[in-house]
Amino acid sequence: MNANDLITVDPEVLGGTPVFRGTRVPVKTLFQYLEANYTLDEFLECFPSVTRPMACKILERSESALIAA
């Protein structure tokens, strides 16, 4: 999975907010849920259009970006 497989930025969808591809779920919502002490399972239950592999890959890429910085 590359970044284009995971995230879409389209001015016609939520004003260009980065969303999980094929959904209207902002990527930042995943981080907001985790910051608020919700589990990944709870996030996925609330947003069934986001798959576990998509969410995990976003988290892995975020970790890699932070470590590389």
C-alpha atoms as a PDB file:
ATOM      1  CA  MET A   1       0.000   0.000   0.000  1.00  0.00           C
ATOM      2  CA  ASN A   2       1.405   3.399  -0.911  1.00  0.00           C
ATOM      3  CA  ALA A   3       0.207   6.795   0.306  1.00  0.00           C
ATOM      4  CA  ASN A   4      -2.130   7.170  -2.676  1.00  0.00           C
ATOM      5  CA  ASP A   5      -3.819   3.920  -1.661  1.00  0.00           C
ATOM      6  CA  LEU A   6      -4.519   5.263   1.834  1.00  0.00           C
ATOM      7  CA  ILE A   7      -5.344   8.955   1.699  1.00  0.00           C
ATOM      8  CA  THR A   8      -7.329  11.208  -0.632  1.00  0.00           C
ATOM      9  CA  VAL A   9      -7.195  14.995  -0.689  1.00  0.00           C
ATOM     10  CA  ASP A  10      -9.989  16.416  -2.819  1.00  0.00           C
ATOM     11  CA  PRO A  11     -11.385  19.948  -2.528  1.00  0.00           C
ATOM     12  CA  GLU A  12     -14.827  18.477  -3.234  1.00  0.00           C
ATOM     13  CA  VAL A  13     -14.625  16.145  -0.218  1.00  0.00           C
ATOM     14  CA  LEU A  14     -14.702  17.876   3.172  1.00  0.00           C
ATOM     15  CA  GLY A  15     -13.028  20.941   1.690  1.00  0.00           C
ATOM     16  CA  GLY A  16      -9.784  19.116   0.899  1.00  0.00           C
ATOM     17  CA  THR A  17      -9.288  17.567   4.332  1.00  0.00           C
ATOM     18  CA  PRO A  18      -7.170  14.399   3.993  1.00  0.00           C
ATOM     19  CA  VAL A  19      -9.515  11.423   4.288  1.00  0.00           C
ATOM     20  CA  PHE A  20      -9.107   7.668   4.159  1.00  0.00           C
ATOM     21  CA  ARG A  21      -9.414   6.714   0.479  1.00  0.00           C
ATOM     22  CA  GLY A  22     -12.936   5.719  -0.480  1.00  0.00           C
ATOM     23  CA  THR A  23     -14.450   7.286   2.640  1.00  0.00           C
ATOM     24  CA  ARG A  24     -15.368  10.663   4.081  1.00  0.00           C
ATOM     25  CA  VAL A  25     -13.507   9.907   7.315  1.00  0.00           C
ATOM     26  CA  PRO A  26     -10.732  12.417   8.024  1.00  0.00           C
ATOM     27  CA  VAL A  27      -7.383  10.818   8.839  1.00  0.00           C
ATOM     28  CA  LYS A  28      -7.041  13.200  11.795  1.00  0.00           C
ATOM     29  CA  THR A  29     -10.097  11.544  13.351  1.00  0.00           C
ATOM     30  CA  LEU A  30      -8.071   8.376  13.914  1.00  0.00           C
ATOM     31  CA  PHE A  31      -5.484  10.333  15.887  1.00  0.00           C
ATOM     32  CA  GLN A  32      -8.146  12.254  17.802  1.00  0.00           C
ATOM     33  CA  TYR A  33      -9.765   8.988  18.890  1.00  0.00           C
ATOM     34  CA  LEU A  34      -6.465   7.509  20.006  1.00  0.00           C
ATOM     35  CA  GLU A  35      -5.529  10.709  21.855  1.00  0.00           C
ATOM     36  CA  ALA A  36      -8.874  10.518  23.669  1.00  0.00           C
ATOM     37  CA  ASN A  37      -7.970   6.984  24.859  1.00  0.00           C
ATOM     38  CA  TYR A  38     -10.302   5.137  22.508  1.00  0.00           C
ATOM     39  CA  THR A  39      -8.932   1.881  21.145  1.00  0.00           C
ATOM     40  CA  LEU A  40      -8.356   1.157  17.494  1.00  0.00           C
ATOM     41  CA  ASP A  41     -11.238  -1.317  17.668  1.00  0.00           C
ATOM     42  CA  GLU A  42     -13.552   1.413  18.961  1.00  0.00           C
ATOM     43  CA  PHE A  43     -12.486   3.729  16.137  1.00  0.00           C
ATOM     44  CA  LEU A  44     -13.102   1.003  13.557  1.00  0.00           C
ATOM     45  CA  GLU A  45     -16.500   0.241  15.081  1.00  0.00           C
ATOM     46  CA  CYS A  46     -17.491   3.905  14.752  1.00  0.00           C
ATOM     47  CA  PHE A  47     -16.127   4.186  11.206  1.00  0.00           C
ATOM     48  CA  PRO A  48     -16.757   0.845   9.475  1.00  0.00           C
ATOM     49  CA  SER A  49     -15.744   2.243   6.077  1.00  0.00           C
ATOM     50  CA  VAL A  50     -12.135   2.365   7.339  1.00  0.00           C
ATOM     51  CA  THR A  51     -10.475  -1.044   7.335  1.00  0.00           C
ATOM     52  CA  ARG A  52      -8.063  -2.268   9.966  1.00  0.00           C
ATOM     53  CA  PRO A  53      -5.213  -2.575   7.416  1.00  0.00           C
ATOM     54  CA  MET A  54      -5.769   1.036   6.319  1.00  0.00           C
ATOM     55  CA  ALA A  55      -5.691   2.375   9.874  1.00  0.00           C
ATOM     56  CA  CYS A  56      -2.669   0.272  10.838  1.00  0.00           C
ATOM     57  CA  LYS A  57      -0.728   1.373   7.777  1.00  0.00           C
ATOM     58  CA  ILE A  58      -1.431   5.047   8.564  1.00  0.00           C
ATOM     59  CA  LEU A  59      -0.155   4.497  12.099  1.00  0.00           C
ATOM     60  CA  GLU A  60       2.948   2.662  10.855  1.00  0.00           C
ATOM     61  CA  ARG A  61       3.753   5.430   8.384  1.00  0.00           C
ATOM     62  CA  SER A  62       3.251   8.079  11.040  1.00  0.00           C
ATOM     63  CA  GLU A  63       5.621   6.270  13.363  1.00  0.00           C
ATOM     64  CA  SER A  64       8.221   5.973  10.608  1.00  0.00           C
ATOM     65  CA  ALA A  65       7.934   9.660   9.801  1.00  0.00           C
ATOM     66  CA  LEU A  66       8.392  10.624  13.450  1.00  0.00           C
ATOM     67  CA  ILE A  67      11.382   8.349  13.950  1.00  0.00           C
ATOM     68  CA  ALA A  68      13.033   9.598  10.761  1.00  0.00           C
ATOM     69  CA  ALA A  69      12.606  13.256  11.761  1.00  0.00           C
END
